[in-house]
Amino acid sequence: MSGGRAGSTWNRRCAHLLDLARRHRRPAVALRLTTDLETCLERNAVRSPDRRVPDQVLRWQYALALEATTETLFAEGFTAVLSPTPTDAPASTEAVPDIRFVCVTWPDGQHA
């Protein structure tokens, strides 16, 4: 798997989920969200304190997102990579992939 994620908890969890998708003949779809870091930090700042994410965590996740290029994600085993924008929103849920797993990991390796 790619760069900074090699050997991490995220890597192992992701590899497990990709393996499950392959074994069950299901697509493994990666969503690349392209919101810029400043917008993420601004939105986070107005969240209630119990929902706010530490800025260093957002910066860490953003750096991981930059590493996760379309090419890298395909190389890791994803069968499709989507980079939705607000104008890509489907008119109905029929166009939305059947997503069963989402994995977010904090810098200390704990899953959120």
Protein backbone atom coordinates (compact mmCIF):
# COMPACT_ATOMS: atom_id res chain seq x y z
CA MET A 1 0.00 0.00 0.00
CA SER A 2 1.03 3.58 -0.30
CA GLY A 3 3.67 5.78 1.34
CA GLY A 4 2.82 6.97 4.85
CA ARG A 5 0.14 4.35 5.38
CA ALA A 6 2.44 1.34 4.93
CA GLY A 7 2.36 -0.84 8.04
CA SER A 8 -0.24 1.28 9.79
CA THR A 9 -3.45 0.18 11.46
CA TRP A 10 -5.32 1.83 8.58
CA ASN A 11 -3.34 -0.25 6.12
CA ARG A 12 -4.19 -3.52 7.86
CA ARG A 13 -7.87 -2.63 8.26
CA CYS A 14 -8.12 -1.45 4.67
CA ALA A 15 -6.37 -4.58 3.40
CA HIS A 16 -8.86 -6.69 5.37
CA LEU A 17 -11.83 -4.81 3.86
CA LEU A 18 -10.39 -5.07 0.35
CA ASP A 19 -9.94 -8.81 0.89
CA LEU A 20 -13.55 -9.13 2.05
CA ALA A 21 -14.75 -7.30 -1.06
CA ARG A 22 -12.72 -9.63 -3.31
CA ARG A 23 -13.90 -12.78 -1.53
CA HIS A 24 -17.53 -11.69 -1.80
CA ARG A 25 -17.09 -10.44 -5.37
CA ARG A 26 -18.12 -6.92 -4.41
CA PRO A 27 -16.61 -3.70 -5.69
CA ALA A 28 -14.22 -1.81 -3.44
CA VAL A 29 -14.96 1.85 -4.05
CA ALA A 30 -12.70 4.62 -2.76
CA LEU A 31 -14.13 8.10 -2.34
CA ARG A 32 -11.57 10.88 -2.81
CA LEU A 33 -12.96 14.00 -1.16
CA THR A 34 -11.23 17.06 -2.51
CA THR A 35 -12.23 19.75 -0.03
CA ASP A 36 -9.24 22.02 0.60
CA LEU A 37 -7.61 22.07 4.03
CA GLU A 38 -8.61 25.65 4.86
CA THR A 39 -12.29 24.87 4.24
CA CYS A 40 -12.02 21.74 6.41
CA LEU A 41 -10.45 23.74 9.23
CA GLU A 42 -13.08 26.52 8.93
CA ARG A 43 -15.95 24.03 9.02
CA ASN A 44 -14.40 22.21 11.95
CA ALA A 45 -13.99 25.45 13.91
CA VAL A 46 -17.75 26.08 13.93
CA ARG A 47 -18.67 22.57 15.07
CA SER A 48 -19.87 22.09 18.62
CA PRO A 49 -17.01 21.20 20.99
CA ASP A 50 -18.17 17.60 21.31
CA ARG A 51 -18.03 17.17 17.49
CA ARG A 52 -14.83 19.12 16.80
CA VAL A 53 -11.79 17.22 15.52
CA PRO A 54 -8.34 18.39 16.68
CA ASP A 55 -6.67 20.51 13.96
CA GLN A 56 -3.59 18.28 13.95
CA VAL A 57 -5.83 15.30 13.13
CA LEU A 58 -7.40 17.17 10.21
CA ARG A 59 -3.96 18.11 8.92
CA TRP A 60 -2.80 14.47 9.25
CA GLN A 61 -5.88 13.17 7.41
CA TYR A 62 -5.46 15.80 4.72
CA ALA A 63 -1.84 14.73 4.16
CA LEU A 64 -3.00 11.10 3.82
CA ALA A 65 -5.65 12.20 1.34
CA LEU A 66 -3.01 13.91 -0.79
CA GLU A 67 -1.02 10.65 -0.87
CA ALA A 68 -4.10 8.70 -1.93
CA THR A 69 -4.01 9.47 -5.64
CA THR A 70 -6.31 7.64 -8.01
CA GLU A 71 -3.35 5.60 -9.24
CA THR A 72 -2.32 4.70 -5.68
CA LEU A 73 -5.82 3.63 -4.72
CA PHE A 74 -6.15 1.39 -7.78
CA ALA A 75 -2.72 -0.09 -6.97
CA GLU A 76 -3.94 -0.81 -3.41
CA GLY A 77 -6.79 -2.88 -4.82
CA PHE A 78 -9.78 -0.58 -5.14
CA THR A 79 -11.95 -1.38 -8.15
CA ALA A 80 -13.26 2.17 -8.55
CA VAL A 81 -12.20 5.61 -7.37
CA LEU A 82 -14.78 8.40 -7.19
CA SER A 83 -13.97 12.07 -6.66
CA PRO A 84 -17.41 13.59 -6.15
CA THR A 85 -18.02 17.32 -6.25
CA PRO A 86 -21.19 19.11 -5.11
CA THR A 87 -22.45 19.19 -8.70
CA ASP A 88 -22.06 15.38 -8.92
CA ALA A 89 -24.78 14.76 -6.35
CA PRO A 90 -27.14 12.11 -7.68
CA ALA A 91 -30.81 12.91 -8.21
CA SER A 92 -31.72 9.67 -6.42
CA THR A 93 -30.02 7.15 -4.18
CA GLU A 94 -30.11 4.58 -7.00
CA ALA A 95 -26.92 6.13 -8.41
CA VAL A 96 -25.05 5.87 -5.10
CA PRO A 97 -22.74 2.82 -4.71
CA ASP A 98 -23.65 0.31 -2.00
CA ILE A 99 -20.99 1.28 0.55
CA ARG A 100 -20.79 -1.05 3.54
CA PHE A 101 -17.50 -0.08 5.21
CA VAL A 102 -15.86 3.22 6.08
CA CYS A 103 -12.61 3.29 8.00
CA VAL A 104 -11.20 6.40 9.65
CA THR A 105 -8.14 6.15 11.86
CA TRP A 106 -6.73 8.76 14.23
CA PRO A 107 -2.94 9.35 14.32
CA ASP A 108 -2.65 7.20 17.44
CA GLY A 109 -4.05 4.24 15.49
CA GLN A 110 -7.50 4.15 17.08
CA HIS A 111 -10.49 3.83 14.77
CA ALA A 112 -13.13 6.53 14.92
